[in-house]
Protein backbone atom coordinates (compact mmCIF):
# COMPACT_ATOMS: atom_id res chain seq x y z
CA MET A 1 -70.10 22.61 -63.01
CA SER A 2 -68.62 23.90 -59.77
CA LEU A 3 -65.24 24.32 -58.17
CA ASN A 4 -64.01 21.65 -55.77
CA GLN A 5 -63.88 22.86 -52.16
CA THR A 6 -61.86 21.06 -49.51
CA ILE A 7 -60.82 22.08 -46.00
CA ILE A 8 -57.40 20.88 -44.89
CA LYS A 9 -55.51 21.59 -41.67
CA ILE A 10 -51.95 22.69 -41.10
CA LYS A 11 -50.14 22.85 -37.77
CA SER A 12 -47.83 25.83 -37.55
CA LYS A 13 -44.47 25.95 -35.82
CA ALA A 14 -44.29 29.70 -36.49
CA LEU A 15 -47.39 30.31 -34.36
CA GLU A 16 -46.32 28.12 -31.44
CA ASN A 17 -46.40 29.91 -28.07
CA ASN A 18 -47.95 33.04 -29.61
CA TYR A 19 -48.71 35.66 -26.97
CA LEU A 20 -52.49 35.57 -27.58
CA ASN A 21 -52.71 31.78 -27.30
CA ASP A 22 -54.47 31.77 -30.66
CA PRO A 23 -54.75 28.33 -32.29
CA VAL A 24 -51.60 26.83 -33.76
CA GLU A 25 -53.53 24.45 -36.01
CA ARG A 26 -55.33 26.33 -38.78
CA GLU A 27 -57.89 25.38 -41.40
CA ILE A 28 -57.28 26.17 -45.06
CA LEU A 29 -60.17 26.19 -47.51
CA VAL A 30 -58.83 24.98 -50.86
CA PHE A 31 -60.53 25.66 -54.20
CA SER A 32 -59.27 23.45 -57.00
CA PRO A 33 -60.32 22.46 -60.52
CA ASP A 34 -61.29 18.90 -61.40
CA LYS A 35 -57.95 18.36 -63.10
CA ILE A 36 -54.82 19.34 -61.16
CA VAL A 37 -51.92 20.29 -63.43
CA ASP A 38 -48.30 21.00 -62.55
CA ASN A 39 -46.99 24.57 -62.36
CA ALA A 40 -50.41 26.21 -61.98
CA PRO A 41 -50.55 29.47 -59.99
CA LEU A 42 -51.23 29.39 -56.24
CA LEU A 43 -53.39 32.29 -55.03
CA ILE A 44 -53.80 33.02 -51.31
CA GLU A 45 -56.51 35.24 -49.86
CA LEU A 46 -55.55 37.35 -46.83
CA ALA A 47 -58.74 38.32 -45.00
CA GLY A 48 -59.48 41.84 -43.74
CA LEU A 49 -61.25 41.45 -40.39
CA ASN A 50 -61.41 38.03 -38.74
CA GLY A 51 -62.50 35.54 -41.36
CA THR A 52 -62.76 31.79 -40.98
CA PRO A 53 -62.96 29.46 -43.99
CA LYS A 54 -66.56 28.57 -44.75
CA LEU A 55 -68.00 26.51 -47.59
CA ASN A 56 -70.40 28.27 -49.94
CA ASN A 57 -69.89 31.80 -48.63
CA ARG A 58 -69.79 34.97 -50.75
CA PHE A 59 -66.13 34.33 -51.60
CA SER A 60 -66.89 30.84 -52.91
CA GLN A 61 -69.83 32.24 -54.89
CA VAL A 62 -67.50 34.70 -56.63
CA LEU A 63 -65.00 31.93 -57.40
CA ASN A 64 -67.68 29.62 -58.78
CA LYS A 65 -68.93 32.42 -61.00
CA LEU A 66 -65.40 32.90 -62.38
CA TYR A 67 -64.92 29.15 -62.71
CA LYS A 68 -68.06 28.80 -64.84
CA LYS A 69 -66.68 31.51 -67.12
CA ASP A 70 -63.39 29.57 -67.36
CA LEU A 71 -61.48 32.49 -65.84
CA LEU A 72 -59.72 30.51 -63.09
CA LYS A 73 -57.91 28.20 -65.51
CA ASN A 74 -55.89 25.68 -63.46
CA ALA A 75 -55.21 27.90 -60.45
CA ILE A 76 -55.29 26.64 -56.88
CA ILE A 77 -56.91 29.26 -54.64
CA ILE A 78 -56.81 29.05 -50.86
CA ASN A 79 -58.53 30.85 -48.00
CA PRO A 80 -56.64 30.15 -44.74
CA ASN A 81 -57.85 31.00 -41.25
CA PHE A 82 -55.70 33.91 -40.06
CA SER A 83 -58.01 35.09 -37.26
CA THR A 84 -56.63 36.60 -34.04
CA LYS A 85 -58.12 37.76 -30.75
CA TYR A 86 -57.54 41.32 -31.95
CA HIS A 87 -59.97 40.61 -34.82
CA VAL A 88 -57.34 41.95 -37.26
CA ASN A 89 -54.17 40.60 -38.81
CA GLN A 90 -51.54 42.65 -40.64
CA TYR A 91 -49.64 39.52 -41.75
CA ILE A 92 -46.24 40.48 -40.36
CA ASN A 93 -44.29 38.96 -37.47
CA SER A 94 -45.02 40.32 -34.03
CA PRO A 95 -44.25 39.03 -30.51
CA ALA A 96 -47.55 40.61 -29.43
CA ALA A 97 -49.66 38.66 -31.94
CA GLY A 98 -47.79 35.88 -33.72
CA ASN A 99 -45.35 35.22 -36.56
CA TYR A 100 -47.84 35.34 -39.40
CA GLU A 101 -45.29 36.37 -42.01
CA ASP A 102 -43.26 33.25 -41.22
CA PHE A 103 -46.44 31.17 -41.20
CA ILE A 104 -47.30 32.24 -44.74
CA ILE A 105 -43.84 32.42 -46.32
CA ASN A 106 -42.13 29.47 -44.64
CA GLU A 107 -45.03 27.10 -44.01
CA ILE A 108 -48.21 27.64 -46.02
CA ILE A 109 -46.59 28.38 -49.37
CA PRO A 110 -44.07 25.48 -49.33
CA TYR A 111 -46.74 23.07 -48.04
CA MET A 112 -49.34 23.99 -50.63
CA SER A 113 -46.79 24.20 -53.45
CA GLU A 114 -45.59 20.69 -52.72
CA LEU A 115 -49.10 19.33 -52.28
CA TYR A 116 -50.45 20.73 -55.56
CA HIS A 117 -47.19 21.18 -57.55
CA THR A 118 -47.88 24.89 -58.05
CA LYS A 119 -45.42 27.48 -59.34
CA ASN A 120 -46.03 31.25 -59.19
CA VAL A 121 -47.64 32.56 -55.99
CA GLY A 122 -50.04 35.49 -55.79
CA LEU A 123 -51.51 37.16 -52.69
CA PHE A 124 -54.74 39.12 -52.64
CA GLY A 125 -56.93 40.74 -50.03
CA LYS A 126 -59.07 43.67 -48.97
CA SER A 127 -58.28 46.28 -46.31
CA SER A 128 -55.77 44.69 -43.88
CA GLY A 129 -55.52 41.81 -46.35
CA GLY A 130 -54.58 44.23 -49.11
CA PHE A 131 -51.93 45.75 -46.86
CA GLY A 132 -50.60 42.26 -46.10
CA ALA A 133 -50.53 41.29 -49.79
CA TYR A 134 -48.49 44.37 -50.67
CA THR A 135 -46.17 44.12 -47.66
CA LEU A 136 -45.33 40.44 -48.07
CA ALA A 137 -44.85 40.82 -51.82
CA VAL A 138 -42.42 43.74 -51.60
CA ASN A 139 -40.43 41.97 -48.89
CA HIS A 140 -40.36 38.55 -50.60
CA PRO A 141 -40.29 39.06 -54.39
CA ASP A 142 -38.29 35.83 -54.65
CA ILE A 143 -41.29 33.90 -53.28
CA ILE A 144 -44.31 36.07 -54.18
CA SER A 145 -44.78 36.75 -57.90
CA GLY A 146 -47.74 39.10 -57.74
CA PHE A 147 -50.40 40.67 -55.54
CA ALA A 148 -53.76 42.41 -55.53
CA ASP A 149 -54.21 45.16 -52.96
CA HIS A 150 -57.89 46.08 -52.62
CA PHE A 151 -58.13 49.37 -50.69
CA GLY A 152 -55.39 48.27 -48.29
CA ASP A 153 -54.28 50.38 -45.33
CA SER A 154 -52.22 53.31 -46.62
CA CYS A 155 -51.77 56.98 -45.73
CA PHE A 156 -52.12 55.86 -42.13
CA GLU A 157 -52.85 59.37 -40.85
CA TYR A 158 -56.28 59.28 -42.51
CA VAL A 159 -57.03 55.66 -41.65
CA TYR A 160 -56.06 55.30 -38.00
CA ILE A 161 -55.85 58.68 -36.29
CA PRO A 162 -59.67 59.23 -36.34
CA ASP A 163 -60.03 55.99 -34.33
CA ILE A 164 -57.61 57.02 -31.57
CA PRO A 165 -60.03 59.27 -29.58
CA VAL A 166 -62.68 56.54 -29.86
CA THR A 167 -60.21 53.96 -28.53
CA TYR A 168 -59.19 56.25 -25.67
CA LYS A 169 -62.84 56.55 -24.57
CA GLU A 170 -63.49 52.80 -25.01
CA LEU A 171 -60.49 51.87 -22.84
CA TYR A 172 -60.83 54.62 -20.23
CA ASN A 173 -60.39 53.13 -16.74
CA LYS A 174 -60.44 49.60 -18.19
CA ASN A 175 -57.89 46.81 -18.13
CA ILE A 176 -56.92 46.09 -21.74
CA ASN A 177 -56.52 42.34 -21.17
CA ASP A 178 -60.01 42.14 -19.64
CA TYR A 179 -61.36 44.21 -22.53
CA LEU A 180 -59.79 41.87 -25.09
CA ILE A 181 -61.14 38.76 -23.37
CA GLU A 182 -64.64 40.24 -23.24
CA LYS A 183 -64.68 41.40 -26.87
CA SER A 184 -63.12 38.22 -28.24
CA LYS A 185 -66.25 36.35 -27.13
CA LYS A 186 -68.64 38.75 -28.90
CA ASP A 187 -70.01 38.19 -32.38
CA ASP A 188 -71.94 41.46 -32.56
CA LEU A 189 -69.29 44.10 -31.89
CA THR A 190 -70.35 47.74 -31.94
CA ASP A 191 -68.68 50.18 -34.32
CA ASN A 192 -66.71 51.74 -31.44
CA GLU A 193 -65.56 48.32 -30.23
CA ILE A 194 -64.35 47.44 -33.74
CA ARG A 195 -62.47 50.74 -33.95
CA ALA A 196 -60.86 50.19 -30.56
CA LEU A 197 -59.84 46.62 -31.40
CA ASN A 198 -58.43 47.95 -34.65
CA ILE A 199 -56.10 50.37 -32.85
CA ILE A 200 -55.12 47.72 -30.30
CA GLY A 201 -54.42 45.24 -33.08
CA MET A 202 -52.42 47.73 -35.13
CA SER A 203 -50.38 48.56 -32.04
CA ALA A 204 -49.60 44.87 -31.60
CA PHE A 205 -48.24 44.68 -35.15
CA TYR A 206 -46.69 48.12 -35.69
CA SER A 207 -45.42 49.12 -32.23
CA TYR A 208 -44.78 45.85 -30.44
CA ASN A 209 -42.61 46.12 -27.35
CA GLU A 210 -41.45 42.92 -25.67
CA ASN A 211 -40.60 44.86 -22.50
CA SER A 212 -44.16 46.08 -22.06
CA GLU A 213 -46.82 44.17 -20.12
CA LEU A 214 -49.06 43.89 -23.20
CA LYS A 215 -46.10 43.45 -25.57
CA PHE A 216 -47.08 46.62 -27.44
CA ASP A 217 -47.32 50.39 -27.04
CA LEU A 218 -50.44 52.36 -27.90
CA PRO A 219 -50.01 55.58 -29.96
CA PHE A 220 -51.65 57.67 -27.23
CA GLU A 221 -51.34 58.25 -23.48
CA ARG A 222 -53.74 56.05 -21.52
CA ASP A 223 -54.54 58.70 -18.91
CA THR A 224 -55.05 61.72 -21.20
CA GLY A 225 -55.48 60.40 -24.74
CA SER A 226 -52.73 62.70 -26.00
CA PHE A 227 -50.91 61.62 -29.14
CA LYS A 228 -47.48 59.93 -28.91
CA PRO A 229 -45.41 60.92 -31.97
CA ASP A 230 -42.56 58.53 -31.09
CA ILE A 231 -44.92 55.53 -31.29
CA TRP A 232 -46.63 56.91 -34.40
CA ASN A 233 -43.24 57.09 -36.13
CA LYS A 234 -42.95 53.31 -35.69
CA TRP A 235 -46.34 52.87 -37.38
CA ILE A 236 -45.68 54.95 -40.47
CA LYS A 237 -42.60 52.92 -41.39
CA TYR A 238 -45.12 50.28 -42.49
CA ASP A 239 -47.26 52.72 -44.53
CA PRO A 240 -47.23 51.58 -48.21
CA ALA A 241 -47.89 55.12 -49.44
CA LYS A 242 -44.65 56.17 -47.75
CA ASN A 243 -42.39 53.11 -47.95
CA VAL A 244 -43.11 52.20 -51.60
CA VAL A 245 -40.08 54.25 -52.72
CA ASN A 246 -37.86 51.86 -50.75
CA TYR A 247 -39.13 48.84 -52.71
CA ILE A 248 -38.92 49.97 -56.34
CA ASN A 249 -36.40 47.31 -57.33
CA ASN A 250 -38.40 44.56 -55.64
CA LEU A 251 -41.65 45.74 -57.25
CA LYS A 252 -40.02 45.57 -60.68
CA LYS A 253 -39.38 41.85 -60.10
CA LEU A 254 -43.11 41.08 -59.78
CA LYS A 255 -45.19 39.69 -62.63
CA ALA A 256 -48.53 41.16 -61.55
CA ILE A 257 -49.68 44.14 -59.46
CA TYR A 258 -53.33 45.11 -59.06
CA LEU A 259 -54.63 48.05 -56.99
CA ASP A 260 -58.13 49.39 -56.51
CA VAL A 261 -60.20 51.55 -54.17
CA GLY A 262 -63.74 52.88 -53.80
CA ILE A 263 -64.11 56.61 -54.40
CA GLU A 264 -66.38 56.79 -51.33
CA ASP A 265 -64.14 54.76 -49.02
CA GLU A 266 -65.05 55.55 -45.40
CA TYR A 267 -61.37 55.49 -44.34
CA SER A 268 -60.30 57.92 -47.08
CA LEU A 269 -58.27 55.15 -48.68
CA PHE A 270 -58.81 56.78 -52.06
CA ILE A 271 -56.02 59.10 -50.88
CA GLY A 272 -53.68 56.31 -49.77
CA MET A 273 -54.25 54.04 -52.77
CA GLY A 274 -54.13 56.97 -55.17
CA THR A 275 -50.81 58.02 -53.66
CA LEU A 276 -49.45 54.47 -53.94
CA HIS A 277 -50.56 54.32 -57.58
CA LYS A 278 -48.98 57.69 -58.45
CA LYS A 279 -45.66 56.77 -56.84
CA MET A 280 -45.58 53.45 -58.67
CA GLU A 281 -46.43 55.20 -61.92
CA LYS A 282 -43.72 57.82 -61.38
CA ASN A 283 -41.13 55.10 -60.80
CA GLY A 284 -42.09 53.03 -63.82
CA ILE A 285 -43.76 50.16 -61.96
CA GLU A 286 -46.13 48.31 -64.28
CA HIS A 287 -49.46 47.82 -62.55
CA LYS A 288 -53.22 48.00 -62.97
CA TYR A 289 -55.11 50.62 -60.95
CA GLU A 290 -58.87 51.06 -60.75
CA GLU A 291 -61.22 53.33 -58.84
CA PHE A 292 -64.78 52.12 -58.46
CA LYS A 293 -68.01 53.65 -57.23
CA GLY A 294 -68.51 52.46 -53.67
CA GLY A 295 -67.15 52.42 -50.14
CA HIS A 296 -65.01 50.14 -48.00
CA PHE A 297 -67.46 47.34 -47.25
CA TYR A 298 -69.28 44.50 -49.06
CA ASN A 299 -66.90 44.49 -52.01
CA THR A 300 -66.11 40.79 -52.42
CA THR A 301 -67.17 41.15 -56.06
CA ARG A 302 -63.99 43.21 -56.67
CA TYR A 303 -62.22 39.84 -56.73
CA GLU A 304 -63.96 39.25 -60.06
CA GLU A 305 -61.54 41.84 -61.46
CA SER A 306 -58.31 41.01 -59.63
CA ILE A 307 -58.28 37.20 -59.57
CA PRO A 308 -58.49 36.68 -63.36
CA PHE A 309 -55.85 39.40 -63.76
CA LEU A 310 -53.47 37.65 -61.37
CA ILE A 311 -54.10 34.23 -62.90
CA GLU A 312 -53.47 35.48 -66.42
CA LYS A 313 -50.19 37.16 -65.45
CA LEU A 314 -48.99 34.31 -63.21
CA SER A 315 -49.79 31.61 -65.77
CA GLU A 316 -47.38 33.10 -68.33
């Protein structure tokens, strides 16, 4: 007994003419039970780093394990291709990257809901995907009914600032466009290249600037590496650990909220996720919070905790 896996394609209007010339047509890996029933939950994975839908990967192994235990019920679970040339996606609209929020909210969800007659929608993801799940849910509680945020970006000062000096050195005396073209063709990026692409990608989403040549502003001076507080202030408006207090009413509309983090997370996200949890708790937001032994990477098995939780809550 195994879960059905099908890859379908969707052509996006929201991504047309995106600045990076990333593909407009995207693949969606769909996991479905043998019997499709009306009003089942629709769960959407938001990947952390670039992830393309692949049959029989670790994600599908986790889902098949849950399916054999009858923990997926009638849910439709999808894994769309959200990859960008920056290797990251924060799942919000940006003229420097693409309108991924519109793609998900206005295109993927209506399309899949009509195709499979689903009802409640849940988002889940790790790292950037966790950030995206939280951010889209708090901004669209009329469309998203629940989310799972696995060690998503939060308390940005601990997550991103350590990567800024590395990025400065990586980009020193280099053309950023040339750098992006070169790294987009590599499959074996070094740690420093990943960190630099991370800061470039975050700049594209958090501090986009249509009047700039690259359509975004970096949070440091290119010639000296010195910090730019005015740009940083644009970034922290997106920080869940800080903006959660603005979304209390929207959070109370959700049917399911799951948070977790590894106590050895390399990006100190135990601080950010712990802060998010405490602020939700203080404001009476019902949610499940777990800390586990481990770091930031190779934690696909955490979905074994969050997916059944979401399905149970969103099937009610």
